[in-house]
Amino acid sequence: MGGNSPCASCKLLRRRCAKDCIFAPYFPSDDPHKFAIVHKVFGASNVGKMLQELPIHQRADAVSSLVYEANARVRDPVYGCVGAISYLQNEVSQLQMQLAVAQAEILCIQMQQEPVMPTPQGPDDKSHFLHDNLPQYLNFASSSNVIQDSFQREHIWT
């Protein structure tokens, strides 16, 4: 910046903002929290070194990532954004399991609503499919409920 208003970094560190300040393009004076949190988690010196090692066209993305990770580290000092990602992956797995159970239940209901003919009438006869596969669908639905219940119990304790 070099002019009247120092960047957020120089303002926080109480130093003169040079014309070629590495922080100025990414930490404007009107958003001091952005640099404060990155400085708290990573340190100004480390952030400066990281930015200097990167090509200019990658620095803005790096700063965005540093700000995101710093915020995540403040919320969860041990796992940071990895904790959030892990939580979301578990949620996706649980929802996929619930979807599979619902699809199996829908298939079972559809199979029960179709008329079952006592004698096969050819390769397109659905009574064989129902007779041969319904136990598998019922087993899948009941075992998925057991797995789903264990996921819910595990989720409550974590």
N, C-alpha and C. Protein backbone atom coordinates (compact mmCIF):
# COMPACT_ATOMS: atom_id res chain seq x y z
N MET A 1 0.83 -1.17 0.00
CA MET A 1 0.00 0.00 0.00
C MET A 1 0.88 1.24 0.00
N GLY A 2 1.72 1.40 0.98
CA GLY A 2 2.71 2.45 0.98
C GLY A 2 2.15 3.84 1.16
N GLY A 3 0.87 4.03 1.13
CA GLY A 3 0.29 5.37 1.22
C GLY A 3 -0.21 5.66 2.61
N ASN A 4 -1.40 6.19 2.67
CA ASN A 4 -1.98 6.61 3.95
C ASN A 4 -2.39 5.44 4.83
N SER A 5 -3.00 4.41 4.24
CA SER A 5 -3.56 3.32 5.03
C SER A 5 -2.71 2.05 4.90
N PRO A 6 -2.11 1.60 5.98
CA PRO A 6 -1.32 0.35 5.89
C PRO A 6 -2.25 -0.86 5.75
N CYS A 7 -1.70 -1.93 5.24
CA CYS A 7 -2.48 -3.16 5.11
C CYS A 7 -2.78 -3.71 6.51
N ALA A 8 -3.66 -4.67 6.58
CA ALA A 8 -4.06 -5.24 7.87
C ALA A 8 -2.87 -5.86 8.60
N SER A 9 -1.96 -6.45 7.86
CA SER A 9 -0.78 -7.06 8.46
C SER A 9 0.10 -6.01 9.13
N CYS A 10 0.44 -4.98 8.39
CA CYS A 10 1.31 -3.93 8.93
C CYS A 10 0.63 -3.18 10.07
N LYS A 11 -0.67 -3.03 9.95
CA LYS A 11 -1.41 -2.37 11.02
C LYS A 11 -1.35 -3.19 12.30
N LEU A 12 -1.58 -4.50 12.19
CA LEU A 12 -1.57 -5.37 13.36
C LEU A 12 -0.16 -5.48 13.96
N LEU A 13 0.83 -5.57 13.10
CA LEU A 13 2.21 -5.72 13.55
C LEU A 13 2.86 -4.38 13.89
N ARG A 14 2.11 -3.30 13.68
CA ARG A 14 2.57 -1.93 13.98
C ARG A 14 3.89 -1.59 13.30
N ARG A 15 3.86 -1.79 11.99
CA ARG A 15 5.04 -1.41 11.22
C ARG A 15 4.62 -0.63 9.99
N ARG A 16 5.58 0.00 9.39
CA ARG A 16 5.32 0.81 8.21
C ARG A 16 5.05 -0.12 7.03
N CYS A 17 4.01 0.15 6.28
CA CYS A 17 3.65 -0.68 5.13
C CYS A 17 4.43 -0.19 3.91
N ALA A 18 5.38 -0.99 3.46
CA ALA A 18 6.21 -0.63 2.31
C ALA A 18 5.42 -0.77 1.02
N LYS A 19 5.91 -0.13 -0.01
CA LYS A 19 5.24 -0.16 -1.31
C LYS A 19 5.16 -1.58 -1.86
N ASP A 20 6.17 -2.39 -1.57
CA ASP A 20 6.20 -3.76 -2.07
C ASP A 20 5.81 -4.78 -1.00
N CYS A 21 5.00 -4.39 -0.04
CA CYS A 21 4.56 -5.28 1.04
C CYS A 21 3.88 -6.51 0.46
N ILE A 22 4.36 -7.67 0.83
CA ILE A 22 3.82 -8.93 0.30
C ILE A 22 2.39 -9.19 0.76
N PHE A 23 2.02 -8.63 1.91
CA PHE A 23 0.70 -8.88 2.47
C PHE A 23 -0.38 -7.94 1.91
N ALA A 24 0.00 -6.76 1.48
CA ALA A 24 -0.96 -5.72 1.10
C ALA A 24 -2.02 -6.16 0.09
N PRO A 25 -1.66 -6.88 -0.98
CA PRO A 25 -2.71 -7.26 -1.95
C PRO A 25 -3.74 -8.26 -1.40
N TYR A 26 -3.39 -8.98 -0.35
CA TYR A 26 -4.24 -10.07 0.13
C TYR A 26 -4.90 -9.80 1.48
N PHE A 27 -4.37 -8.84 2.21
CA PHE A 27 -4.91 -8.51 3.53
C PHE A 27 -5.16 -7.00 3.61
N PRO A 28 -6.27 -6.54 3.01
CA PRO A 28 -6.56 -5.11 3.00
C PRO A 28 -6.87 -4.58 4.40
N SER A 29 -6.68 -3.30 4.56
CA SER A 29 -6.87 -2.67 5.88
C SER A 29 -8.32 -2.72 6.34
N ASP A 30 -9.25 -2.85 5.43
CA ASP A 30 -10.67 -2.86 5.82
C ASP A 30 -11.16 -4.23 6.31
N ASP A 31 -10.27 -5.24 6.32
CA ASP A 31 -10.62 -6.57 6.82
C ASP A 31 -9.52 -7.08 7.75
N PRO A 32 -9.36 -6.45 8.91
CA PRO A 32 -8.25 -6.82 9.80
C PRO A 32 -8.38 -8.22 10.41
N HIS A 33 -9.60 -8.72 10.55
CA HIS A 33 -9.80 -10.05 11.15
C HIS A 33 -9.15 -11.13 10.30
N LYS A 34 -9.20 -10.97 8.99
CA LYS A 34 -8.66 -11.96 8.06
C LYS A 34 -7.17 -12.21 8.35
N PHE A 35 -6.39 -11.15 8.50
CA PHE A 35 -4.97 -11.35 8.80
C PHE A 35 -4.76 -11.77 10.25
N ALA A 36 -5.55 -11.23 11.15
CA ALA A 36 -5.36 -11.52 12.57
C ALA A 36 -5.47 -13.02 12.84
N ILE A 37 -6.45 -13.67 12.22
CA ILE A 37 -6.63 -15.10 12.47
C ILE A 37 -5.53 -15.93 11.83
N VAL A 38 -5.10 -15.53 10.62
CA VAL A 38 -4.00 -16.24 9.96
C VAL A 38 -2.71 -16.07 10.76
N HIS A 39 -2.48 -14.87 11.25
CA HIS A 39 -1.29 -14.60 12.06
C HIS A 39 -1.32 -15.41 13.36
N LYS A 40 -2.48 -15.49 13.97
CA LYS A 40 -2.62 -16.24 15.24
C LYS A 40 -2.28 -17.72 15.06
N VAL A 41 -2.73 -18.29 13.96
CA VAL A 41 -2.55 -19.73 13.74
C VAL A 41 -1.19 -20.06 13.12
N PHE A 42 -0.79 -19.30 12.09
CA PHE A 42 0.42 -19.66 11.34
C PHE A 42 1.62 -18.76 11.62
N GLY A 43 1.38 -17.54 12.06
CA GLY A 43 2.46 -16.59 12.27
C GLY A 43 2.74 -15.79 11.01
N ALA A 44 2.98 -14.50 11.18
CA ALA A 44 3.20 -13.60 10.04
C ALA A 44 4.42 -14.02 9.23
N SER A 45 5.48 -14.41 9.91
CA SER A 45 6.71 -14.79 9.22
C SER A 45 6.49 -16.00 8.32
N ASN A 46 5.80 -17.01 8.83
CA ASN A 46 5.53 -18.21 8.02
C ASN A 46 4.64 -17.90 6.83
N VAL A 47 3.63 -17.07 7.04
CA VAL A 47 2.73 -16.70 5.94
C VAL A 47 3.52 -15.94 4.89
N GLY A 48 4.36 -15.01 5.32
CA GLY A 48 5.18 -14.25 4.38
C GLY A 48 6.09 -15.16 3.56
N LYS A 49 6.71 -16.14 4.21
CA LYS A 49 7.59 -17.08 3.51
C LYS A 49 6.79 -17.91 2.49
N MET A 50 5.60 -18.36 2.90
CA MET A 50 4.78 -19.14 1.98
C MET A 50 4.41 -18.33 0.74
N LEU A 51 4.01 -17.09 0.98
CA LEU A 51 3.61 -16.25 -0.15
C LEU A 51 4.79 -15.96 -1.08
N GLN A 52 5.96 -15.74 -0.53
CA GLN A 52 7.14 -15.46 -1.36
C GLN A 52 7.54 -16.66 -2.21
N GLU A 53 7.28 -17.85 -1.72
CA GLU A 53 7.66 -19.06 -2.45
C GLU A 53 6.69 -19.40 -3.58
N LEU A 54 5.53 -18.77 -3.57
CA LEU A 54 4.51 -19.08 -4.58
C LEU A 54 4.56 -18.09 -5.74
N PRO A 55 4.20 -18.55 -6.93
CA PRO A 55 4.04 -17.59 -8.04
C PRO A 55 2.88 -16.63 -7.72
N ILE A 56 2.96 -15.45 -8.21
CA ILE A 56 1.98 -14.41 -7.89
C ILE A 56 0.55 -14.86 -8.20
N HIS A 57 0.35 -15.59 -9.30
CA HIS A 57 -1.00 -16.00 -9.70
C HIS A 57 -1.61 -17.04 -8.75
N GLN A 58 -0.82 -17.65 -7.87
CA GLN A 58 -1.34 -18.64 -6.92
C GLN A 58 -1.52 -18.08 -5.51
N ARG A 59 -1.07 -16.90 -5.27
CA ARG A 59 -1.06 -16.36 -3.92
C ARG A 59 -2.46 -16.09 -3.37
N ALA A 60 -3.35 -15.58 -4.17
CA ALA A 60 -4.71 -15.28 -3.68
C ALA A 60 -5.41 -16.57 -3.23
N ASP A 61 -5.25 -17.64 -4.00
CA ASP A 61 -5.85 -18.92 -3.61
C ASP A 61 -5.22 -19.45 -2.34
N ALA A 62 -3.90 -19.28 -2.22
CA ALA A 62 -3.21 -19.74 -1.02
C ALA A 62 -3.70 -18.97 0.21
N VAL A 63 -3.90 -17.68 0.07
CA VAL A 63 -4.40 -16.87 1.19
C VAL A 63 -5.81 -17.33 1.57
N SER A 64 -6.64 -17.59 0.58
CA SER A 64 -8.00 -18.08 0.87
C SER A 64 -7.94 -19.39 1.64
N SER A 65 -7.05 -20.28 1.23
CA SER A 65 -6.90 -21.56 1.92
C SER A 65 -6.38 -21.37 3.34
N LEU A 66 -5.42 -20.48 3.51
CA LEU A 66 -4.88 -20.21 4.84
C LEU A 66 -5.94 -19.64 5.77
N VAL A 67 -6.76 -18.73 5.25
CA VAL A 67 -7.83 -18.14 6.06
C VAL A 67 -8.84 -19.22 6.44
N TYR A 68 -9.21 -20.08 5.48
CA TYR A 68 -10.16 -21.15 5.77
C TYR A 68 -9.62 -22.09 6.83
N GLU A 69 -8.37 -22.53 6.65
CA GLU A 69 -7.77 -23.46 7.62
C GLU A 69 -7.59 -22.80 8.98
N ALA A 70 -7.21 -21.53 9.00
CA ALA A 70 -7.05 -20.83 10.29
C ALA A 70 -8.37 -20.77 11.04
N ASN A 71 -9.45 -20.45 10.34
CA ASN A 71 -10.77 -20.42 10.97
C ASN A 71 -11.16 -21.81 11.49
N ALA A 72 -10.87 -22.84 10.70
CA ALA A 72 -11.17 -24.21 11.13
C ALA A 72 -10.32 -24.60 12.34
N ARG A 73 -9.07 -24.17 12.37
CA ARG A 73 -8.19 -24.48 13.51
C ARG A 73 -8.64 -23.78 14.78
N VAL A 74 -9.21 -22.59 14.65
CA VAL A 74 -9.72 -21.90 15.84
C VAL A 74 -10.92 -22.66 16.39
N ARG A 75 -11.80 -23.15 15.50
CA ARG A 75 -12.97 -23.92 15.93
C ARG A 75 -12.57 -25.29 16.47
N ASP A 76 -11.59 -25.94 15.82
CA ASP A 76 -11.17 -27.28 16.21
C ASP A 76 -9.64 -27.33 16.14
N PRO A 77 -8.97 -27.01 17.26
CA PRO A 77 -7.51 -26.91 17.25
C PRO A 77 -6.77 -28.20 16.89
N VAL A 78 -7.38 -29.33 17.10
CA VAL A 78 -6.69 -30.60 16.83
C VAL A 78 -6.80 -30.99 15.36
N TYR A 79 -8.02 -31.00 14.82
CA TYR A 79 -8.23 -31.52 13.47
C TYR A 79 -8.41 -30.44 12.40
N GLY A 80 -8.77 -29.24 12.76
CA GLY A 80 -8.95 -28.19 11.76
C GLY A 80 -9.99 -28.56 10.73
N CYS A 81 -9.70 -28.26 9.46
CA CYS A 81 -10.68 -28.55 8.41
C CYS A 81 -10.80 -30.05 8.15
N VAL A 82 -9.80 -30.84 8.53
CA VAL A 82 -9.89 -32.29 8.36
C VAL A 82 -11.04 -32.85 9.20
N GLY A 83 -11.25 -32.29 10.38
CA GLY A 83 -12.36 -32.71 11.22
C GLY A 83 -13.70 -32.42 10.55
N ALA A 84 -13.81 -31.24 9.93
CA ALA A 84 -15.05 -30.89 9.23
C ALA A 84 -15.26 -31.81 8.03
N ILE A 85 -14.21 -32.08 7.30
CA ILE A 85 -14.31 -32.97 6.13
C ILE A 85 -14.71 -34.36 6.56
N SER A 86 -14.11 -34.86 7.62
CA SER A 86 -14.43 -36.19 8.13
C SER A 86 -15.89 -36.27 8.56
N TYR A 87 -16.35 -35.25 9.27
CA TYR A 87 -17.75 -35.20 9.70
C TYR A 87 -18.68 -35.24 8.49
N LEU A 88 -18.38 -34.45 7.46
CA LEU A 88 -19.23 -34.41 6.28
C LEU A 88 -19.19 -35.73 5.51
N GLN A 89 -18.03 -36.39 5.47
CA GLN A 89 -17.96 -37.70 4.81
C GLN A 89 -18.82 -38.72 5.54
N ASN A 90 -18.82 -38.67 6.87
CA ASN A 90 -19.69 -39.57 7.63
C ASN A 90 -21.15 -39.29 7.35
N GLU A 91 -21.50 -38.01 7.26
CA GLU A 91 -22.89 -37.64 6.94
C GLU A 91 -23.28 -38.18 5.57
N VAL A 92 -22.40 -38.05 4.58
CA VAL A 92 -22.68 -38.55 3.23
C VAL A 92 -22.87 -40.07 3.26
N SER A 93 -22.00 -40.77 3.98
CA SER A 93 -22.13 -42.24 4.09
C SER A 93 -23.46 -42.63 4.72
N GLN A 94 -23.83 -41.92 5.76
CA GLN A 94 -25.09 -42.22 6.44
C GLN A 94 -26.27 -41.96 5.50
N LEU A 95 -26.23 -40.87 4.77
CA LEU A 95 -27.32 -40.56 3.84
C LEU A 95 -27.37 -41.56 2.68
N GLN A 96 -26.20 -42.01 2.21
CA GLN A 96 -26.19 -43.03 1.16
C GLN A 96 -26.79 -44.33 1.65
N MET A 97 -26.51 -44.67 2.90
CA MET A 97 -27.07 -45.88 3.48
C MET A 97 -28.59 -45.75 3.61
N GLN A 98 -29.05 -44.60 4.07
CA GLN A 98 -30.49 -44.38 4.19
C GLN A 98 -31.17 -44.45 2.83
N LEU A 99 -30.51 -43.91 1.80
CA LEU A 99 -31.05 -43.97 0.44
C LEU A 99 -31.14 -45.41 -0.04
N ALA A 100 -30.10 -46.20 0.20
CA ALA A 100 -30.11 -47.60 -0.22
C ALA A 100 -31.23 -48.37 0.48
N VAL A 101 -31.43 -48.11 1.75
CA VAL A 101 -32.50 -48.77 2.49
C VAL A 101 -33.86 -48.38 1.91
N ALA A 102 -34.03 -47.08 1.64
CA ALA A 102 -35.30 -46.60 1.08
C ALA A 102 -35.55 -47.22 -0.30
N GLN A 103 -34.50 -47.30 -1.11
CA GLN A 103 -34.66 -47.89 -2.44
C GLN A 103 -35.02 -49.38 -2.34
N ALA A 104 -34.42 -50.08 -1.39
CA ALA A 104 -34.75 -51.49 -1.19
C ALA A 104 -36.19 -51.65 -0.72
N GLU A 105 -36.62 -50.78 0.17
CA GLU A 105 -38.00 -50.83 0.65
C GLU A 105 -38.98 -50.53 -0.47
N ILE A 106 -38.66 -49.56 -1.32
CA ILE A 106 -39.52 -49.24 -2.47
C ILE A 106 -39.61 -50.45 -3.40
N LEU A 107 -38.49 -51.08 -3.66
CA LEU A 107 -38.48 -52.26 -4.53
C LEU A 107 -39.31 -53.38 -3.94
N CYS A 108 -39.20 -53.57 -2.63
CA CYS A 108 -40.00 -54.61 -1.97
C CYS A 108 -41.49 -54.32 -2.10
N ILE A 109 -41.86 -53.07 -1.90
CA ILE A 109 -43.27 -52.68 -2.01
C ILE A 109 -43.75 -52.88 -3.44
N GLN A 110 -42.94 -52.48 -4.42
CA GLN A 110 -43.32 -52.66 -5.82
C GLN A 110 -43.48 -54.13 -6.17
N MET A 111 -42.59 -54.96 -5.64
CA MET A 111 -42.65 -56.38 -5.91
C MET A 111 -43.90 -57.02 -5.29
N GLN A 112 -44.27 -56.54 -4.11
CA GLN A 112 -45.44 -57.09 -3.43
C GLN A 112 -46.73 -56.68 -4.13
N GLN A 113 -46.72 -55.55 -4.81
CA GLN A 113 -47.93 -55.06 -5.47
C GLN A 113 -48.16 -55.71 -6.83
N GLU A 114 -47.15 -56.32 -7.41
CA GLU A 114 -47.30 -56.96 -8.71
C GLU A 114 -47.91 -58.34 -8.52
N PRO A 115 -48.80 -58.73 -9.42
CA PRO A 115 -49.41 -60.06 -9.29
C PRO A 115 -48.37 -61.15 -9.52
N VAL A 116 -48.43 -62.16 -8.66
CA VAL A 116 -47.52 -63.29 -8.78
C VAL A 116 -48.28 -64.42 -9.44
N MET A 117 -47.75 -64.86 -10.57
CA MET A 117 -48.41 -65.94 -11.30
C MET A 117 -47.83 -67.27 -10.83
N PRO A 118 -48.70 -68.25 -10.64
CA PRO A 118 -48.21 -69.53 -10.11
C PRO A 118 -47.32 -70.29 -11.08
N THR A 119 -47.52 -70.12 -12.38
CA THR A 119 -46.69 -70.85 -13.33
C THR A 119 -45.89 -69.85 -14.16
N PRO A 120 -44.62 -70.14 -14.40
CA PRO A 120 -43.82 -69.22 -15.21
C PRO A 120 -44.33 -69.17 -16.64
N GLN A 121 -44.27 -67.98 -17.22
CA GLN A 121 -44.77 -67.83 -18.59
C GLN A 121 -43.64 -67.48 -19.55
N GLY A 122 -42.41 -67.43 -19.09
CA GLY A 122 -41.30 -67.13 -19.99
C GLY A 122 -40.20 -66.36 -19.26
N PRO A 123 -39.20 -65.94 -20.02
CA PRO A 123 -38.04 -65.27 -19.40
C PRO A 123 -38.37 -63.90 -18.80
N ASP A 124 -39.48 -63.28 -19.22
CA ASP A 124 -39.84 -61.97 -18.69
C ASP A 124 -40.73 -62.07 -17.45
N ASP A 125 -41.03 -63.27 -17.01
CA ASP A 125 -41.91 -63.45 -15.86
C ASP A 125 -41.24 -62.92 -14.59
N LYS A 126 -41.92 -61.99 -13.93
CA LYS A 126 -41.36 -61.34 -12.74
C LYS A 126 -41.59 -62.15 -11.47
N SER A 127 -42.40 -63.17 -11.52
CA SER A 127 -42.65 -63.94 -10.31
C SER A 127 -41.38 -64.68 -9.87
N HIS A 128 -40.57 -65.13 -10.83
CA HIS A 128 -39.31 -65.77 -10.47
C HIS A 128 -38.37 -64.78 -9.81
N PHE A 129 -38.31 -63.57 -10.37
CA PHE A 129 -37.43 -62.55 -9.78
C PHE A 129 -37.86 -62.25 -8.35
N LEU A 130 -39.17 -62.09 -8.15
CA LEU A 130 -39.69 -61.82 -6.82
C LEU A 130 -39.37 -62.98 -5.89
N HIS A 131 -39.66 -64.18 -6.34
CA HIS A 131 -39.45 -65.36 -5.50
C HIS A 131 -37.97 -65.55 -5.18
N ASP A 132 -37.10 -65.36 -6.18
CA ASP A 132 -35.67 -65.62 -5.99
C ASP A 132 -34.95 -64.50 -5.25
N ASN A 133 -35.39 -63.25 -5.39
CA ASN A 133 -34.62 -62.11 -4.87
C ASN A 133 -35.23 -61.38 -3.68
N LEU A 134 -36.48 -61.61 -3.39
CA LEU A 134 -37.10 -60.89 -2.28
C LEU A 134 -36.38 -61.15 -0.95
N PRO A 135 -35.99 -62.38 -0.65
CA PRO A 135 -35.27 -62.59 0.62
C PRO A 135 -33.98 -61.76 0.71
N GLN A 136 -33.27 -61.61 -0.42
CA GLN A 136 -32.05 -60.80 -0.42
C GLN A 136 -32.37 -59.35 -0.10
N TYR A 137 -33.43 -58.82 -0.70
CA TYR A 137 -33.80 -57.42 -0.45
C TYR A 137 -34.24 -57.23 1.00
N LEU A 138 -34.98 -58.20 1.51
CA LEU A 138 -35.41 -58.08 2.90
C LEU A 138 -34.21 -58.17 3.84
N ASN A 139 -33.28 -59.09 3.55
CA ASN A 139 -32.06 -59.17 4.36
C ASN A 139 -31.27 -57.88 4.28
N PHE A 140 -31.14 -57.32 3.07
CA PHE A 140 -30.40 -56.07 2.92
C PHE A 140 -31.04 -54.96 3.73
N ALA A 141 -32.35 -54.85 3.64
CA ALA A 141 -33.05 -53.78 4.36
C ALA A 141 -32.88 -53.94 5.87
N SER A 142 -33.00 -55.18 6.38
CA SER A 142 -32.88 -55.36 7.82
C SER A 142 -31.44 -55.18 8.28
N SER A 143 -30.46 -55.67 7.51
CA SER A 143 -29.05 -55.48 7.92
C SER A 143 -28.67 -54.02 7.80
N SER A 144 -29.21 -53.31 6.82
CA SER A 144 -28.92 -51.88 6.70
C SER A 144 -29.48 -51.11 7.88
N ASN A 145 -30.64 -51.55 8.37
CA ASN A 145 -31.21 -50.89 9.56
C ASN A 145 -30.31 -51.11 10.76
N VAL A 146 -29.72 -52.31 10.90
CA VAL A 146 -28.80 -52.57 12.00
C VAL A 146 -27.58 -51.68 11.86
N ILE A 147 -27.03 -51.60 10.65
CA ILE A 147 -25.86 -50.73 10.42
C ILE A 147 -26.24 -49.28 10.68
N GLN A 148 -27.40 -48.87 10.20
CA GLN A 148 -27.84 -47.49 10.40
C GLN A 148 -28.00 -47.19 11.89
N ASP A 149 -28.57 -48.12 12.66
CA ASP A 149 -28.72 -47.91 14.09
C ASP A 149 -27.36 -47.78 14.76
N SER A 150 -26.38 -48.59 14.36
CA SER A 150 -25.05 -48.50 14.96
C SER A 150 -24.39 -47.18 14.60
N PHE A 151 -24.63 -46.69 13.37
CA PHE A 151 -24.10 -45.38 12.98
C PHE A 151 -24.70 -44.29 13.85
N GLN A 152 -26.00 -44.39 14.09
CA GLN A 152 -26.66 -43.36 14.91
C GLN A 152 -26.13 -43.39 16.33
N ARG A 153 -25.94 -44.59 16.89
CA ARG A 153 -25.38 -44.68 18.24
C ARG A 153 -23.96 -44.13 18.27
N GLU A 154 -23.17 -44.45 17.26
CA GLU A 154 -21.80 -43.95 17.21
C GLU A 154 -21.78 -42.44 17.08
N HIS A 155 -22.70 -41.90 16.27
CA HIS A 155 -22.77 -40.45 16.06
C HIS A 155 -23.15 -39.73 17.35
N ILE A 156 -23.98 -40.34 18.16
CA ILE A 156 -24.40 -39.70 19.42
C ILE A 156 -23.21 -39.60 20.36
N TRP A 157 -22.36 -40.62 20.38
CA TRP A 157 -21.24 -40.64 21.34
C TRP A 157 -20.04 -39.83 20.90
N THR A 158 -19.95 -39.49 19.61
CA THR A 158 -18.78 -38.73 19.15
C THR A 158 -19.04 -37.25 19.16
